[in-house]
Amino acid sequence: MTSHPVNQIFSFNGLSIEFHGSVYEPAEDTFQLLEAIKITPKETVLEIGTGCGIIALDLARQGCSVVCTDINPYAIELTHRNIERNRHLLKGHIDVRLGDLFSPVQKDERFSVMVFNPPYLPTKKKDRIGGDGWFDVATDGGLTGLSVTKRFIQELPRYLSSDGRAYFVFSSLSDRDILNQYLKKINAQAEVVLSRCFHDELIDIYRITL
């Protein structure tokens, strides 16, 4: 694969993170999610939509065994480079897999922690950026903003350990009542563990258990 030019290098918690023009860059929601996640070393983690790999790397730095997936092949390539760049800092292992949501996960795999920063912007066709399409993949949540989140919630029970928890990002630009309906269908216990306002939007980090 021919890579796009590298944008820049960013430092976080001692990690050196390379960015890429076709991969979603860490933003306020990324760091809010990182702040909200509570883990202990050696836990098994599944991160959906890893992007540049910053969350997977930070959890592996703390000693977790992480499987991370992304539908964007540039994100997979970039995450591999960031692993090599920071391998000396990682106490845990990272397994990087290409695919949509849970498709790269084996049927018998279970995780104590799941993490997802989904595309959550309510998006009409006219709102899409276009280009190579990867920016839209990272941000386009469909008309409700919850189309990808819905799929995540529906499939989550197959892969989350009975005593596990999942963290994901929700935006107030979407309908919370619709989200609650999705959570109710899987009998999830949901709690907002961290909320922040950004401009005209409230970003919540949900933690759910089953």
N, C-alpha and C. Protein backbone atom coordinates (compact mmCIF):
# COMPACT_ATOMS: atom_id res chain seq x y z
N MET A 1 0.85 -1.20 0.00
CA MET A 1 0.00 0.00 0.00
C MET A 1 0.88 1.25 0.00
N THR A 2 0.53 2.22 -0.80
CA THR A 2 1.27 3.48 -0.84
C THR A 2 0.69 4.42 0.20
N SER A 3 1.52 4.83 1.14
CA SER A 3 1.04 5.66 2.24
C SER A 3 0.98 7.13 1.84
N HIS A 4 0.06 7.84 2.48
CA HIS A 4 0.00 9.29 2.33
C HIS A 4 1.11 9.91 3.18
N PRO A 5 1.45 11.17 2.94
CA PRO A 5 2.49 11.81 3.75
C PRO A 5 2.10 11.82 5.23
N VAL A 6 3.08 11.64 6.08
CA VAL A 6 2.86 11.71 7.52
C VAL A 6 2.62 13.15 7.93
N ASN A 7 1.61 13.37 8.78
CA ASN A 7 1.30 14.73 9.21
C ASN A 7 2.28 15.24 10.26
N GLN A 8 2.39 14.49 11.36
CA GLN A 8 3.22 14.96 12.46
C GLN A 8 3.41 13.83 13.46
N ILE A 9 4.27 14.08 14.44
CA ILE A 9 4.50 13.16 15.56
C ILE A 9 4.01 13.84 16.82
N PHE A 10 3.30 13.09 17.66
CA PHE A 10 2.70 13.64 18.88
C PHE A 10 3.16 12.80 20.06
N SER A 11 3.41 13.43 21.19
CA SER A 11 3.83 12.72 22.40
C SER A 11 2.69 12.67 23.40
N PHE A 12 2.43 11.47 23.94
CA PHE A 12 1.38 11.29 24.94
C PHE A 12 1.79 10.21 25.93
N ASN A 13 1.83 10.57 27.21
CA ASN A 13 2.21 9.62 28.27
C ASN A 13 3.51 8.88 27.94
N GLY A 14 4.43 9.60 27.33
CA GLY A 14 5.72 9.00 26.98
C GLY A 14 5.72 8.28 25.65
N LEU A 15 4.54 8.07 25.06
CA LEU A 15 4.42 7.41 23.77
C LEU A 15 4.66 8.42 22.64
N SER A 16 5.26 7.95 21.57
CA SER A 16 5.47 8.77 20.38
C SER A 16 4.48 8.29 19.32
N ILE A 17 3.51 9.13 18.97
CA ILE A 17 2.41 8.74 18.10
C ILE A 17 2.51 9.47 16.76
N GLU A 18 2.60 8.69 15.70
CA GLU A 18 2.63 9.25 14.34
C GLU A 18 1.20 9.39 13.82
N PHE A 19 0.91 10.49 13.15
CA PHE A 19 -0.38 10.72 12.53
C PHE A 19 -0.29 10.47 11.02
N HIS A 20 -1.46 10.41 10.39
CA HIS A 20 -1.52 10.11 8.95
C HIS A 20 -2.74 10.81 8.36
N GLY A 21 -2.61 11.31 7.16
CA GLY A 21 -3.66 12.13 6.55
C GLY A 21 -4.97 11.41 6.31
N SER A 22 -4.94 10.08 6.22
CA SER A 22 -6.18 9.33 5.96
C SER A 22 -6.68 8.59 7.19
N VAL A 23 -6.18 8.96 8.36
CA VAL A 23 -6.59 8.32 9.62
C VAL A 23 -7.04 9.39 10.60
N TYR A 24 -8.15 9.12 11.29
CA TYR A 24 -8.70 10.07 12.26
C TYR A 24 -7.66 10.40 13.32
N GLU A 25 -7.41 11.67 13.52
CA GLU A 25 -6.44 12.10 14.53
C GLU A 25 -7.09 12.14 15.91
N PRO A 26 -6.34 11.80 16.95
CA PRO A 26 -6.87 11.93 18.32
C PRO A 26 -7.35 13.35 18.57
N ALA A 27 -8.53 13.44 19.18
CA ALA A 27 -9.12 14.74 19.50
C ALA A 27 -9.63 14.72 20.93
N GLU A 28 -10.43 15.74 21.28
CA GLU A 28 -10.90 15.83 22.66
C GLU A 28 -11.61 14.56 23.13
N ASP A 29 -12.41 13.97 22.23
CA ASP A 29 -13.15 12.77 22.62
C ASP A 29 -12.21 11.60 22.90
N THR A 30 -11.11 11.51 22.14
CA THR A 30 -10.12 10.46 22.36
C THR A 30 -9.54 10.54 23.77
N PHE A 31 -9.11 11.73 24.16
CA PHE A 31 -8.46 11.89 25.46
C PHE A 31 -9.46 11.79 26.61
N GLN A 32 -10.69 12.19 26.36
CA GLN A 32 -11.74 12.01 27.36
C GLN A 32 -12.00 10.51 27.58
N LEU A 33 -12.03 9.75 26.50
CA LEU A 33 -12.21 8.31 26.61
C LEU A 33 -11.05 7.66 27.36
N LEU A 34 -9.85 8.06 27.04
CA LEU A 34 -8.67 7.54 27.74
C LEU A 34 -8.73 7.83 29.24
N GLU A 35 -9.20 9.01 29.56
CA GLU A 35 -9.31 9.40 30.98
C GLU A 35 -10.35 8.55 31.71
N ALA A 36 -11.40 8.17 31.01
CA ALA A 36 -12.51 7.45 31.64
C ALA A 36 -12.22 5.97 31.85
N ILE A 37 -11.37 5.39 31.01
CA ILE A 37 -11.13 3.94 31.07
C ILE A 37 -10.36 3.59 32.33
N LYS A 38 -10.89 2.65 33.08
CA LYS A 38 -10.21 2.15 34.27
C LYS A 38 -9.86 0.68 34.04
N ILE A 39 -8.57 0.38 34.09
CA ILE A 39 -8.13 -0.99 33.83
C ILE A 39 -7.11 -1.41 34.89
N THR A 40 -6.88 -2.71 34.94
CA THR A 40 -5.78 -3.25 35.74
C THR A 40 -4.87 -4.02 34.79
N PRO A 41 -3.57 -4.13 35.11
CA PRO A 41 -2.65 -4.84 34.22
C PRO A 41 -3.11 -6.27 33.95
N LYS A 42 -2.79 -6.74 32.76
CA LYS A 42 -3.07 -8.11 32.29
C LYS A 42 -4.53 -8.34 31.91
N GLU A 43 -5.36 -7.30 31.96
CA GLU A 43 -6.72 -7.47 31.46
C GLU A 43 -6.70 -7.63 29.94
N THR A 44 -7.73 -8.29 29.42
CA THR A 44 -7.88 -8.45 27.97
C THR A 44 -8.80 -7.35 27.45
N VAL A 45 -8.36 -6.65 26.43
CA VAL A 45 -9.07 -5.48 25.91
C VAL A 45 -9.32 -5.66 24.42
N LEU A 46 -10.52 -5.27 23.98
CA LEU A 46 -10.83 -5.14 22.56
C LEU A 46 -11.12 -3.68 22.28
N GLU A 47 -10.34 -3.09 21.41
CA GLU A 47 -10.63 -1.72 20.96
C GLU A 47 -11.10 -1.77 19.51
N ILE A 48 -12.31 -1.25 19.29
CA ILE A 48 -12.86 -1.15 17.94
C ILE A 48 -12.53 0.22 17.36
N GLY A 49 -12.06 0.25 16.12
CA GLY A 49 -11.75 1.53 15.48
C GLY A 49 -10.53 2.18 16.09
N THR A 50 -9.39 1.52 16.00
CA THR A 50 -8.21 1.97 16.74
C THR A 50 -7.58 3.24 16.17
N GLY A 51 -7.80 3.54 14.88
CA GLY A 51 -7.21 4.75 14.31
C GLY A 51 -5.70 4.67 14.30
N CYS A 52 -5.05 5.63 14.92
CA CYS A 52 -3.58 5.63 14.99
C CYS A 52 -3.05 4.68 16.05
N GLY A 53 -3.95 4.10 16.86
CA GLY A 53 -3.53 3.14 17.88
C GLY A 53 -3.23 3.72 19.23
N ILE A 54 -3.52 4.99 19.45
CA ILE A 54 -3.10 5.64 20.69
C ILE A 54 -3.73 4.99 21.93
N ILE A 55 -5.01 4.60 21.86
CA ILE A 55 -5.65 3.99 23.03
C ILE A 55 -5.08 2.60 23.27
N ALA A 56 -4.98 1.80 22.22
CA ALA A 56 -4.39 0.46 22.35
C ALA A 56 -2.99 0.53 22.93
N LEU A 57 -2.19 1.46 22.44
CA LEU A 57 -0.82 1.61 22.92
C LEU A 57 -0.78 2.01 24.39
N ASP A 58 -1.64 2.94 24.80
CA ASP A 58 -1.61 3.38 26.18
C ASP A 58 -2.05 2.26 27.13
N LEU A 59 -3.03 1.44 26.70
CA LEU A 59 -3.46 0.33 27.54
C LEU A 59 -2.41 -0.77 27.59
N ALA A 60 -1.72 -1.02 26.47
CA ALA A 60 -0.63 -1.99 26.46
C ALA A 60 0.55 -1.47 27.28
N ARG A 61 0.76 -0.18 27.27
CA ARG A 61 1.81 0.42 28.12
C ARG A 61 1.55 0.11 29.59
N GLN A 62 0.27 0.02 29.96
CA GLN A 62 -0.10 -0.28 31.35
C GLN A 62 -0.18 -1.78 31.63
N GLY A 63 0.11 -2.61 30.62
CA GLY A 63 0.20 -4.04 30.86
C GLY A 63 -0.96 -4.87 30.36
N CYS A 64 -1.88 -4.27 29.62
CA CYS A 64 -3.02 -5.03 29.09
C CYS A 64 -2.66 -5.77 27.82
N SER A 65 -3.40 -6.84 27.56
CA SER A 65 -3.31 -7.56 26.30
C SER A 65 -4.45 -7.06 25.42
N VAL A 66 -4.10 -6.42 24.30
CA VAL A 66 -5.08 -5.67 23.51
C VAL A 66 -5.22 -6.26 22.11
N VAL A 67 -6.46 -6.47 21.70
CA VAL A 67 -6.79 -6.70 20.30
C VAL A 67 -7.44 -5.42 19.79
N CYS A 68 -6.94 -4.87 18.69
CA CYS A 68 -7.55 -3.66 18.15
C CYS A 68 -7.88 -3.87 16.68
N THR A 69 -9.03 -3.36 16.28
CA THR A 69 -9.50 -3.52 14.90
C THR A 69 -9.76 -2.17 14.27
N ASP A 70 -9.72 -2.15 12.95
CA ASP A 70 -10.12 -0.96 12.21
C ASP A 70 -10.45 -1.37 10.78
N ILE A 71 -11.45 -0.73 10.20
CA ILE A 71 -11.84 -1.01 8.82
C ILE A 71 -10.93 -0.30 7.83
N ASN A 72 -10.19 0.70 8.31
CA ASN A 72 -9.33 1.53 7.46
C ASN A 72 -7.94 0.90 7.35
N PRO A 73 -7.53 0.45 6.17
CA PRO A 73 -6.21 -0.17 6.05
C PRO A 73 -5.06 0.77 6.38
N TYR A 74 -5.26 2.07 6.16
CA TYR A 74 -4.22 3.03 6.54
C TYR A 74 -4.05 3.07 8.07
N ALA A 75 -5.16 2.91 8.79
CA ALA A 75 -5.08 2.89 10.25
C ALA A 75 -4.32 1.66 10.74
N ILE A 76 -4.55 0.52 10.11
CA ILE A 76 -3.84 -0.70 10.48
C ILE A 76 -2.34 -0.54 10.24
N GLU A 77 -1.99 -0.02 9.09
CA GLU A 77 -0.57 0.22 8.77
C GLU A 77 0.06 1.19 9.75
N LEU A 78 -0.67 2.26 10.06
CA LEU A 78 -0.15 3.28 10.97
C LEU A 78 0.00 2.73 12.39
N THR A 79 -0.97 1.96 12.84
CA THR A 79 -0.88 1.38 14.19
C THR A 79 0.32 0.46 14.30
N HIS A 80 0.58 -0.34 13.29
CA HIS A 80 1.78 -1.20 13.29
C HIS A 80 3.05 -0.35 13.42
N ARG A 81 3.10 0.76 12.70
CA ARG A 81 4.29 1.62 12.81
C ARG A 81 4.41 2.21 14.21
N ASN A 82 3.28 2.61 14.79
CA ASN A 82 3.33 3.19 16.13
C ASN A 82 3.69 2.15 17.19
N ILE A 83 3.31 0.90 16.97
CA ILE A 83 3.73 -0.17 17.89
C ILE A 83 5.25 -0.31 17.84
N GLU A 84 5.81 -0.36 16.64
CA GLU A 84 7.26 -0.49 16.51
C GLU A 84 7.99 0.71 17.12
N ARG A 85 7.40 1.88 16.94
CA ARG A 85 8.00 3.10 17.47
C ARG A 85 8.06 3.08 19.01
N ASN A 86 7.10 2.38 19.63
CA ASN A 86 6.97 2.43 21.09
C ASN A 86 7.13 1.06 21.77
N ARG A 87 7.61 0.07 21.04
CA ARG A 87 7.65 -1.29 21.57
C ARG A 87 8.39 -1.38 22.90
N HIS A 88 9.42 -0.59 23.09
CA HIS A 88 10.21 -0.65 24.33
C HIS A 88 9.42 -0.18 25.55
N LEU A 89 8.29 0.48 25.33
CA LEU A 89 7.48 0.99 26.44
C LEU A 89 6.31 0.07 26.79
N LEU A 90 6.05 -0.92 25.96
CA LEU A 90 4.83 -1.73 26.11
C LEU A 90 5.07 -2.92 27.04
N LYS A 91 4.27 -2.98 28.09
CA LYS A 91 4.32 -4.10 29.02
C LYS A 91 3.37 -5.22 28.60
N GLY A 92 2.38 -4.87 27.79
CA GLY A 92 1.41 -5.84 27.27
C GLY A 92 1.58 -6.02 25.77
N HIS A 93 0.71 -6.83 25.21
CA HIS A 93 0.78 -7.20 23.80
C HIS A 93 -0.36 -6.52 23.02
N ILE A 94 -0.12 -6.20 21.75
CA ILE A 94 -1.16 -5.66 20.88
C ILE A 94 -1.25 -6.52 19.62
N ASP A 95 -2.46 -6.94 19.33
CA ASP A 95 -2.77 -7.69 18.11
C ASP A 95 -3.65 -6.80 17.24
N VAL A 96 -3.17 -6.42 16.06
CA VAL A 96 -3.86 -5.48 15.18
C VAL A 96 -4.54 -6.24 14.05
N ARG A 97 -5.84 -5.98 13.84
CA ARG A 97 -6.61 -6.73 12.85
C ARG A 97 -7.44 -5.80 11.98
N LEU A 98 -7.44 -6.08 10.68
CA LEU A 98 -8.21 -5.30 9.72
C LEU A 98 -9.62 -5.87 9.60
N GLY A 99 -10.64 -5.00 9.73
CA GLY A 99 -12.00 -5.45 9.53
C GLY A 99 -13.01 -4.51 10.16
N ASP A 100 -14.26 -4.72 9.83
CA ASP A 100 -15.36 -3.88 10.28
C ASP A 100 -15.86 -4.35 11.65
N LEU A 101 -15.80 -3.48 12.63
CA LEU A 101 -16.29 -3.77 13.99
C LEU A 101 -15.75 -5.11 14.49
N PHE A 102 -16.65 -6.07 14.78
CA PHE A 102 -16.23 -7.34 15.38
C PHE A 102 -15.84 -8.40 14.36
N SER A 103 -15.90 -8.09 13.08
CA SER A 103 -15.67 -9.13 12.07
C SER A 103 -14.30 -9.81 12.18
N PRO A 104 -13.23 -9.14 12.64
CA PRO A 104 -11.95 -9.84 12.77
C PRO A 104 -11.81 -10.65 14.08
N VAL A 105 -12.84 -10.61 14.93
CA VAL A 105 -12.76 -11.27 16.24
C VAL A 105 -13.26 -12.71 16.11
N GLN A 106 -12.54 -13.64 16.74
CA GLN A 106 -12.94 -15.05 16.71
C GLN A 106 -14.18 -15.27 17.59
N LYS A 107 -15.00 -16.24 17.21
CA LYS A 107 -16.25 -16.47 17.91
C LYS A 107 -16.05 -16.83 19.37
N ASP A 108 -14.91 -17.46 19.70
CA ASP A 108 -14.69 -17.91 21.08
C ASP A 108 -13.88 -16.91 21.91
N GLU A 109 -13.56 -15.75 21.34
CA GLU A 109 -12.79 -14.75 22.09
C GLU A 109 -13.72 -13.94 22.99
N ARG A 110 -13.26 -13.69 24.21
CA ARG A 110 -13.98 -12.87 25.17
C ARG A 110 -13.01 -11.86 25.77
N PHE A 111 -13.55 -10.69 26.13
CA PHE A 111 -12.71 -9.60 26.62
C PHE A 111 -13.30 -9.01 27.89
N SER A 112 -12.42 -8.64 28.81
CA SER A 112 -12.89 -8.03 30.05
C SER A 112 -13.20 -6.54 29.88
N VAL A 113 -12.61 -5.93 28.85
CA VAL A 113 -12.83 -4.51 28.58
C VAL A 113 -13.01 -4.32 27.08
N MET A 114 -13.99 -3.52 26.70
CA MET A 114 -14.14 -3.09 25.31
C MET A 114 -14.14 -1.57 25.25
N VAL A 115 -13.59 -1.05 24.16
CA VAL A 115 -13.46 0.40 24.00
C VAL A 115 -13.83 0.76 22.56
N PHE A 116 -14.67 1.79 22.41
CA PHE A 116 -15.07 2.21 21.07
C PHE A 116 -15.38 3.70 21.06
N ASN A 117 -14.70 4.40 20.17
CA ASN A 117 -15.05 5.79 19.87
C ASN A 117 -15.68 5.77 18.47
N PRO A 118 -17.00 5.61 18.40
CA PRO A 118 -17.64 5.36 17.11
C PRO A 118 -17.79 6.63 16.28
N PRO A 119 -18.04 6.48 14.99
CA PRO A 119 -18.53 7.63 14.21
C PRO A 119 -19.87 8.05 14.79
N TYR A 120 -19.98 9.27 15.32
CA TYR A 120 -21.21 9.62 16.04
C TYR A 120 -21.86 10.91 15.55
N LEU A 121 -21.38 11.48 14.46
CA LEU A 121 -22.00 12.71 13.98
C LEU A 121 -23.22 12.38 13.12
N PRO A 122 -24.40 12.92 13.45
CA PRO A 122 -25.54 12.77 12.55
C PRO A 122 -25.18 13.35 11.18
N THR A 123 -25.31 12.53 10.14
CA THR A 123 -24.76 12.90 8.84
C THR A 123 -25.74 12.61 7.71
N LYS A 124 -25.99 13.62 6.90
CA LYS A 124 -26.74 13.43 5.66
C LYS A 124 -25.74 13.33 4.51
N LYS A 125 -26.22 12.87 3.38
CA LYS A 125 -25.33 12.67 2.24
C LYS A 125 -24.59 13.95 1.88
N LYS A 126 -25.27 15.08 1.98
CA LYS A 126 -24.64 16.36 1.61
C LYS A 126 -23.56 16.78 2.60
N ASP A 127 -23.55 16.17 3.80
CA ASP A 127 -22.57 16.53 4.81
C ASP A 127 -21.23 15.82 4.64
N ARG A 128 -21.20 14.79 3.81
CA ARG A 128 -19.99 13.99 3.68
C ARG A 128 -18.88 14.77 2.98
N ILE A 129 -17.65 14.55 3.43
CA ILE A 129 -16.50 15.28 2.91
C ILE A 129 -16.08 14.75 1.56
N GLY A 130 -16.14 13.42 1.39
CA GLY A 130 -15.70 12.82 0.13
C GLY A 130 -14.21 12.51 0.17
N GLY A 131 -13.49 12.91 -0.84
CA GLY A 131 -12.06 12.59 -0.92
C GLY A 131 -11.88 11.08 -1.02
N ASP A 132 -10.91 10.53 -0.25
CA ASP A 132 -10.70 9.09 -0.30
C ASP A 132 -11.72 8.34 0.57
N GLY A 133 -12.57 9.09 1.27
CA GLY A 133 -13.68 8.49 2.01
C GLY A 133 -13.39 8.09 3.43
N TRP A 134 -12.13 8.06 3.85
CA TRP A 134 -11.82 7.55 5.18
C TRP A 134 -12.21 8.51 6.29
N PHE A 135 -12.21 9.81 6.02
CA PHE A 135 -12.67 10.76 7.04
C PHE A 135 -14.15 10.52 7.32
N ASP A 136 -14.94 10.31 6.27
CA ASP A 136 -16.37 10.04 6.46
C ASP A 136 -16.60 8.75 7.23
N VAL A 137 -15.82 7.72 6.94
CA VAL A 137 -15.94 6.45 7.67
C VAL A 137 -15.73 6.67 9.17
N ALA A 138 -14.82 7.56 9.52
CA ALA A 138 -14.48 7.80 10.92
C ALA A 138 -15.48 8.68 11.65
N THR A 139 -16.30 9.43 10.91
CA THR A 139 -17.18 10.41 11.56
C THR A 139 -18.66 10.23 11.28
N ASP A 140 -19.01 9.57 10.19
CA ASP A 140 -20.39 9.49 9.72
C ASP A 140 -21.18 8.47 10.54
N GLY A 141 -22.08 8.97 11.38
CA GLY A 141 -22.93 8.11 12.19
C GLY A 141 -24.31 7.88 11.60
N GLY A 142 -24.48 8.21 10.34
CA GLY A 142 -25.80 8.06 9.72
C GLY A 142 -26.73 9.18 10.14
N LEU A 143 -27.97 9.10 9.73
CA LEU A 143 -28.92 10.18 9.98
C LEU A 143 -29.13 10.43 11.47
N THR A 144 -29.09 9.38 12.29
CA THR A 144 -29.31 9.54 13.73
C THR A 144 -28.01 9.77 14.51
N GLY A 145 -26.88 9.53 13.86
CA GLY A 145 -25.60 9.57 14.56
C GLY A 145 -25.30 8.29 15.31
N LEU A 146 -26.22 7.33 15.28
CA LEU A 146 -26.09 6.12 16.10
C LEU A 146 -26.06 4.83 15.27
N SER A 147 -25.93 4.93 13.96
CA SER A 147 -26.03 3.72 13.14
C SER A 147 -24.90 2.74 13.45
N VAL A 148 -23.69 3.23 13.64
CA VAL A 148 -22.57 2.32 13.95
C VAL A 148 -22.61 1.92 15.42
N THR A 149 -22.96 2.85 16.29
CA THR A 149 -23.10 2.54 17.71
C THR A 149 -24.11 1.44 17.94
N LYS A 150 -25.21 1.46 17.20
CA LYS A 150 -26.24 0.43 17.32
C LYS A 150 -25.67 -0.94 17.02
N ARG A 151 -24.89 -1.06 15.95
CA ARG A 151 -24.29 -2.34 15.59
C ARG A 151 -23.32 -2.82 16.66
N PHE A 152 -22.55 -1.89 17.22
CA PHE A 152 -21.62 -2.22 18.30
C PHE A 152 -22.37 -2.79 19.50
N ILE A 153 -23.44 -2.12 19.91
CA ILE A 153 -24.21 -2.55 21.08
C ILE A 153 -24.86 -3.91 20.82
N GLN A 154 -25.38 -4.12 19.64
CA GLN A 154 -26.05 -5.38 19.33
C GLN A 154 -25.10 -6.57 19.40
N GLU A 155 -23.87 -6.41 18.94
CA GLU A 155 -22.92 -7.52 18.89
C GLU A 155 -22.10 -7.68 20.15
N LEU A 156 -22.04 -6.65 20.95
CA LEU A 156 -21.19 -6.63 22.15
C LEU A 156 -21.38 -7.83 23.08
N PRO A 157 -22.61 -8.27 23.38
CA PRO A 157 -22.78 -9.36 24.34
C PRO A 157 -22.07 -10.66 23.96
N ARG A 158 -21.80 -10.87 22.67
CA ARG A 158 -21.13 -12.10 22.24
C ARG A 158 -19.68 -12.16 22.69
N TYR A 159 -19.08 -10.99 22.91
CA TYR A 159 -17.63 -10.94 23.12
C TYR A 159 -17.21 -10.35 24.46
N LEU A 160 -18.14 -9.80 25.22
CA LEU A 160 -17.80 -9.21 26.52
C LEU A 160 -17.92 -10.26 27.61
N SER A 161 -16.89 -10.39 28.43
CA SER A 161 -16.93 -11.33 29.54
C SER A 161 -18.09 -11.00 30.48
N SER A 162 -18.56 -12.00 31.19
CA SER A 162 -19.73 -11.81 32.05
C SER A 162 -19.48 -10.74 33.12
N ASP A 163 -18.24 -10.59 33.53
CA ASP A 163 -17.91 -9.56 34.53
C ASP A 163 -17.18 -8.38 33.91
N GLY A 164 -17.29 -8.23 32.57
CA GLY A 164 -16.57 -7.18 31.88
C GLY A 164 -17.36 -5.88 31.78
N ARG A 165 -16.74 -4.89 31.17
CA ARG A 165 -17.41 -3.60 30.95
C ARG A 165 -16.94 -3.03 29.61
N ALA A 166 -17.79 -2.22 29.04
CA ALA A 166 -17.49 -1.59 27.76
C ALA A 166 -17.61 -0.08 27.89
N TYR A 167 -16.70 0.62 27.25
CA TYR A 167 -16.71 2.08 27.24
C TYR A 167 -16.93 2.56 25.80
N PHE A 168 -17.82 3.53 25.63
CA PHE A 168 -17.98 4.11 24.30
C PHE A 168 -18.39 5.58 24.41
N VAL A 169 -18.24 6.29 23.31
CA VAL A 169 -18.49 7.74 23.27
C VAL A 169 -19.88 7.99 22.69
N PHE A 170 -20.58 8.93 23.32
CA PHE A 170 -21.90 9.37 22.85
C PHE A 170 -21.92 10.88 22.78
N SER A 171 -22.56 11.41 21.73
CA SER A 171 -22.69 12.85 21.55
C SER A 171 -24.13 13.29 21.75
N SER A 172 -24.30 14.45 22.38
CA SER A 172 -25.64 15.00 22.58
C SER A 172 -26.30 15.42 21.27
N LEU A 173 -25.56 15.43 20.17
CA LEU A 173 -26.16 15.70 18.88
C LEU A 173 -27.06 14.56 18.43
N SER A 174 -26.90 13.39 19.08
CA SER A 174 -27.75 12.24 18.80
C SER A 174 -28.87 12.17 19.84
N ASP A 175 -29.80 11.25 19.62
CA ASP A 175 -30.97 11.11 20.48
C ASP A 175 -30.68 10.08 21.58
N ARG A 176 -30.64 10.55 22.82
CA ARG A 176 -30.32 9.65 23.94
C ARG A 176 -31.42 8.61 24.17
N ASP A 177 -32.66 8.97 23.87
CA ASP A 177 -33.75 8.00 24.04
C ASP A 177 -33.57 6.80 23.11
N ILE A 178 -33.11 7.07 21.89
CA ILE A 178 -32.87 5.97 20.96
C ILE A 178 -31.72 5.10 21.47
N LEU A 179 -30.67 5.74 21.96
CA LEU A 179 -29.55 4.98 22.54
C LEU A 179 -30.03 4.10 23.68
N ASN A 180 -30.86 4.65 24.55
CA ASN A 180 -31.36 3.88 25.70
C ASN A 180 -32.18 2.67 25.24
N GLN A 181 -32.89 2.80 24.13
CA GLN A 181 -33.62 1.66 23.59
C GLN A 181 -32.68 0.55 23.16
N TYR A 182 -31.57 0.91 22.51
CA TYR A 182 -30.59 -0.09 22.10
C TYR A 182 -30.00 -0.80 23.31
N LEU A 183 -29.68 -0.02 24.34
CA LEU A 183 -29.09 -0.60 25.55
C LEU A 183 -30.08 -1.51 26.27
N LYS A 184 -31.34 -1.12 26.27
CA LYS A 184 -32.37 -1.92 26.95
C LYS A 184 -32.52 -3.27 26.28
N LYS A 185 -32.38 -3.31 24.96
CA LYS A 185 -32.57 -4.57 24.22
C LYS A 185 -31.54 -5.62 24.59
N ILE A 186 -30.36 -5.20 25.05
CA ILE A 186 -29.35 -6.18 25.47
C ILE A 186 -29.27 -6.27 27.00
N ASN A 187 -30.24 -5.65 27.68
CA ASN A 187 -30.29 -5.68 29.15
C ASN A 187 -29.01 -5.13 29.79
N ALA A 188 -28.50 -4.07 29.20
CA ALA A 188 -27.26 -3.47 29.70
C ALA A 188 -27.52 -2.52 30.86
N GLN A 189 -26.60 -2.51 31.80
CA GLN A 189 -26.57 -1.50 32.84
C GLN A 189 -25.62 -0.40 32.36
N ALA A 190 -26.15 0.81 32.21
CA ALA A 190 -25.37 1.89 31.60
C ALA A 190 -25.17 3.04 32.57
N GLU A 191 -23.97 3.60 32.54
CA GLU A 191 -23.65 4.73 33.40
C GLU A 191 -22.74 5.69 32.64
N VAL A 192 -23.06 6.98 32.70
CA VAL A 192 -22.17 8.00 32.14
C VAL A 192 -21.09 8.29 33.19
N VAL A 193 -19.85 7.99 32.83
CA VAL A 193 -18.76 8.14 33.81
C VAL A 193 -17.96 9.41 33.63
N LEU A 194 -18.12 10.08 32.48
CA LEU A 194 -17.40 11.33 32.26
C LEU A 194 -18.10 12.13 31.18
N SER A 195 -18.43 13.39 31.48
CA SER A 195 -19.11 14.28 30.52
C SER A 195 -18.33 15.57 30.38
N ARG A 196 -18.26 16.06 29.15
CA ARG A 196 -17.62 17.35 28.90
C ARG A 196 -18.34 18.06 27.77
N CYS A 197 -18.39 19.39 27.87
CA CYS A 197 -18.98 20.21 26.81
C CYS A 197 -17.89 20.72 25.88
N PHE A 198 -18.15 20.59 24.59
CA PHE A 198 -17.27 21.13 23.57
C PHE A 198 -18.13 21.94 22.61
N HIS A 199 -17.99 23.26 22.68
CA HIS A 199 -18.79 24.14 21.85
C HIS A 199 -20.28 23.90 22.13
N ASP A 200 -21.06 23.45 21.15
CA ASP A 200 -22.50 23.26 21.36
C ASP A 200 -22.85 21.80 21.57
N GLU A 201 -21.88 20.99 22.00
CA GLU A 201 -22.05 19.55 22.07
C GLU A 201 -21.58 19.03 23.42
N LEU A 202 -22.36 18.11 23.99
CA LEU A 202 -21.96 17.41 25.21
C LEU A 202 -21.47 16.03 24.82
N ILE A 203 -20.24 15.72 25.20
CA ILE A 203 -19.67 14.40 24.93
C ILE A 203 -19.70 13.58 26.23
N ASP A 204 -20.34 12.41 26.17
CA ASP A 204 -20.43 11.51 27.32
C ASP A 204 -19.65 10.25 27.04
N ILE A 205 -18.98 9.75 28.07
CA ILE A 205 -18.37 8.44 28.01
C ILE A 205 -19.27 7.49 28.82
N TYR A 206 -19.82 6.51 28.14
CA TYR A 206 -20.66 5.50 28.78
C TYR A 206 -19.81 4.30 29.19
N ARG A 207 -20.13 3.75 30.34
CA ARG A 207 -19.60 2.44 30.74
C ARG A 207 -20.80 1.52 30.91
N ILE A 208 -20.79 0.40 30.22
CA ILE A 208 -21.91 -0.52 30.33
C ILE A 208 -21.43 -1.90 30.76
N THR A 209 -22.27 -2.56 31.53
CA THR A 209 -22.07 -3.93 31.95
C THR A 209 -23.32 -4.73 31.61
N LEU A 210 -23.18 -6.03 31.60
CA LEU A 210 -24.32 -6.89 31.24
C LEU A 210 -24.78 -7.73 32.43
